[in-house]
Amino acid sequence: MPVFAHISYKFAGLIVLTLALAFMLLNPINAATQELPRTQTIWSQVSGDGGVNVIPYIWSKRAMAVDFESKDWDNIEYVYFNLNYNTTDEGTKRGVEGSFIPYYIQNEFKDYKGVPYFRKEFNFGTCSKNVCKWDSNPRDIKITVNTNMKSGKVDQYTRVISITAPWN
């Protein structure tokens, strides 16, 4: 008679599950080494250094987001941004500008690998009273970000990034 003939199927399943779990926990390849990049959006920094980091996310032809991240939010007075883009409509240039004061939005900060960030979402189009008109084929997307510091030798940092839309 085979050794395992008297073991129930439930008990055998429990053994297999336990071995599989032990293998996953002891295996040197873990979730951190298989992590996807933070963003799939292709972008390059055109100019600037210092101030907040800028990480763009294009979700669709209708919307995108930008993460503004810094390890030193306490030393930042405010952040100004200007997002602009062209469309395939002749002579059309669109955009949005704004600013935020980190002190007043601290409860909106999220965390990525120990670095706090603030996410701002943008539409490629205009909306009024829940009716939106979407711009056709946004392209040549650029964002300029000015970081004004509270203290230090440098009062303002300017960072310009160029974003490649996945449909171009």
Protein backbone atom coordinates (compact mmCIF):
# COMPACT_ATOMS: atom_id res chain seq x y z
CA MET A 1 0.00 0.00 0.00
CA PRO A 2 1.40 3.44 -0.94
CA VAL A 3 2.46 5.68 1.93
CA PHE A 4 0.02 8.49 1.02
CA ALA A 5 -2.98 6.25 0.38
CA HIS A 6 -4.58 7.02 3.73
CA ILE A 7 -4.09 10.87 3.56
CA SER A 8 -7.26 12.76 2.72
CA TYR A 9 -7.44 15.08 -0.28
CA LYS A 10 -8.09 18.07 2.01
CA PHE A 11 -4.94 17.36 4.00
CA ALA A 12 -2.88 16.89 0.82
CA GLY A 13 -4.23 20.18 -0.51
CA LEU A 14 -3.26 21.90 2.72
CA ILE A 15 0.29 20.53 2.42
CA VAL A 16 0.60 21.73 -1.20
CA LEU A 17 -0.77 25.18 -0.27
CA THR A 18 1.66 25.45 2.66
CA LEU A 19 4.63 24.50 0.46
CA ALA A 20 3.58 27.00 -2.22
CA LEU A 21 3.25 29.77 0.37
CA ALA A 22 6.64 28.91 1.87
CA PHE A 23 8.23 28.99 -1.61
CA MET A 24 6.74 32.44 -2.32
CA LEU A 25 7.96 33.86 0.99
CA LEU A 26 11.45 32.40 0.72
CA ASN A 27 11.93 33.08 -2.99
CA PRO A 28 14.37 35.99 -3.50
CA ILE A 29 12.21 37.41 -6.33
CA ASN A 30 9.58 39.48 -4.56
CA ALA A 31 7.06 42.15 -5.47
CA ALA A 32 9.59 44.97 -5.04
CA THR A 33 11.88 43.60 -7.76
CA GLN A 34 8.96 43.03 -10.13
CA GLU A 35 7.40 46.44 -9.53
CA LEU A 36 6.09 48.35 -12.51
CA PRO A 37 7.54 51.79 -13.21
CA ARG A 38 5.75 54.65 -11.49
CA THR A 39 4.48 56.01 -14.81
CA GLN A 40 4.25 54.59 -18.32
CA THR A 41 4.14 58.12 -19.77
CA ILE A 42 7.23 59.09 -21.78
CA TRP A 43 8.63 62.47 -20.81
CA SER A 44 11.89 64.37 -20.69
CA GLN A 45 13.10 67.30 -18.68
CA VAL A 46 13.81 70.21 -21.02
CA SER A 47 15.36 72.51 -18.44
CA GLY A 48 15.69 73.27 -14.77
CA ASP A 49 16.72 71.56 -11.61
CA GLY A 50 15.72 71.80 -7.98
CA GLY A 51 12.35 72.50 -6.47
CA VAL A 52 9.58 69.92 -6.74
CA ASN A 53 9.90 66.82 -8.93
CA VAL A 54 7.28 66.51 -11.66
CA ILE A 55 5.91 63.09 -12.70
CA PRO A 56 3.27 63.06 -15.48
CA TYR A 57 0.62 60.41 -16.19
CA ILE A 58 -1.37 60.47 -19.42
CA TRP A 59 -4.51 58.36 -18.91
CA SER A 60 -6.33 58.98 -22.17
CA LYS A 61 -6.87 61.55 -24.90
CA ARG A 62 -9.16 63.29 -22.42
CA ALA A 63 -7.17 63.50 -19.18
CA MET A 64 -3.82 63.36 -17.46
CA ALA A 65 -2.38 63.94 -14.02
CA VAL A 66 0.84 65.31 -12.62
CA ASP A 67 2.45 64.34 -9.32
CA PHE A 68 4.37 67.14 -7.63
CA GLU A 69 6.73 65.54 -5.11
CA SER A 70 9.27 66.85 -2.63
CA LYS A 71 11.06 65.73 0.51
CA ASP A 72 11.13 69.37 1.64
CA TRP A 73 7.53 70.66 1.50
CA ASP A 74 8.09 72.64 4.72
CA ASN A 75 10.58 74.90 2.91
CA ILE A 76 8.32 75.54 -0.13
CA GLU A 77 6.18 78.68 -0.11
CA TYR A 78 4.13 77.84 -3.24
CA VAL A 79 4.21 75.94 -6.53
CA TYR A 80 3.07 77.52 -9.80
CA PHE A 81 2.36 75.39 -12.90
CA ASN A 82 1.54 76.09 -16.54
CA LEU A 83 0.43 73.15 -18.70
CA ASN A 84 0.01 73.79 -22.42
CA TYR A 85 -0.52 71.65 -25.52
CA ASN A 86 -1.45 71.78 -29.17
CA THR A 87 -4.23 69.87 -30.90
CA THR A 88 -4.73 68.67 -34.47
CA ASP A 89 -7.23 71.51 -34.98
CA GLU A 90 -5.50 74.19 -37.06
CA GLY A 91 -3.80 76.87 -34.94
CA THR A 92 -5.13 75.58 -31.65
CA LYS A 93 -3.09 75.93 -28.47
CA ARG A 94 -4.69 75.06 -25.15
CA GLY A 95 -3.61 74.98 -21.54
CA VAL A 96 -4.20 75.64 -17.90
CA GLU A 97 -2.26 77.37 -15.19
CA GLY A 98 -2.55 77.50 -11.46
CA SER A 99 -0.73 77.25 -8.17
CA PHE A 100 -0.98 75.70 -4.76
CA ILE A 101 0.42 76.40 -1.32
CA PRO A 102 1.69 73.18 0.30
CA TYR A 103 0.82 74.37 3.80
CA TYR A 104 -2.90 74.45 2.95
CA ILE A 105 -3.10 71.06 1.22
CA GLN A 106 -1.07 68.91 3.61
CA ASN A 107 -4.06 66.63 4.20
CA GLU A 108 -4.13 65.86 0.45
CA PHE A 109 -0.53 64.60 0.28
CA LYS A 110 0.04 60.97 -0.61
CA ASP A 111 3.23 58.98 -0.23
CA TYR A 112 5.38 57.14 -2.77
CA LYS A 113 8.37 55.26 -1.37
CA GLY A 114 8.66 57.63 1.55
CA VAL A 115 8.36 60.84 -0.49
CA PRO A 116 5.19 62.96 -0.11
CA TYR A 117 3.47 64.15 -3.28
CA PHE A 118 0.41 66.07 -4.42
CA ARG A 119 -1.51 64.88 -7.50
CA LYS A 120 -3.28 67.36 -9.78
CA GLU A 121 -5.59 66.15 -12.55
CA PHE A 122 -6.07 67.95 -15.87
CA ASN A 123 -8.61 67.59 -18.68
CA PHE A 124 -7.75 68.02 -22.36
CA GLY A 125 -10.78 70.17 -23.02
CA THR A 126 -13.25 72.43 -21.29
CA CYS A 127 -16.23 71.60 -19.12
CA SER A 128 -19.13 73.76 -18.02
CA LYS A 129 -22.25 72.63 -16.14
CA ASN A 130 -21.23 68.95 -16.58
CA VAL A 131 -20.97 69.32 -20.37
CA CYS A 132 -17.48 68.81 -21.77
CA LYS A 133 -15.94 69.60 -25.14
CA TRP A 134 -12.82 67.49 -25.59
CA ASP A 135 -9.87 68.72 -27.63
CA SER A 136 -8.93 66.49 -30.54
CA ASN A 137 -5.59 64.70 -30.36
CA PRO A 138 -3.62 66.70 -27.74
CA ARG A 139 0.11 66.80 -28.58
CA ASP A 140 3.30 68.74 -27.85
CA ILE A 141 2.44 68.74 -24.14
CA LYS A 142 4.67 70.83 -21.89
CA ILE A 143 4.48 71.75 -18.26
CA THR A 144 6.47 74.51 -16.63
CA VAL A 145 6.70 74.40 -12.85
CA ASN A 146 8.06 77.18 -10.65
CA THR A 147 8.85 76.35 -7.03
CA ASN A 148 9.13 79.32 -4.71
CA MET A 149 11.12 78.56 -1.57
CA LYS A 150 10.60 80.10 1.88
CA SER A 151 14.30 80.26 2.66
CA GLY A 152 17.70 79.51 1.20
CA LYS A 153 19.99 81.02 -1.38
CA VAL A 154 17.73 80.22 -4.34
CA ASP A 155 14.31 81.85 -4.20
CA GLN A 156 12.78 80.12 -7.20
CA TYR A 157 13.40 76.96 -9.23
CA THR A 158 11.94 76.46 -12.71
CA ARG A 159 11.52 73.01 -14.22
CA VAL A 160 10.19 72.42 -17.76
CA ILE A 161 9.25 68.96 -18.99
CA SER A 162 8.04 67.78 -22.38
CA ILE A 163 5.53 64.91 -22.46
CA THR A 164 5.05 62.51 -25.37
CA ALA A 165 1.43 61.53 -25.92
CA PRO A 166 1.16 57.78 -26.56
CA TRP A 167 -1.02 58.31 -29.66
CA ASN A 168 1.53 60.56 -31.45
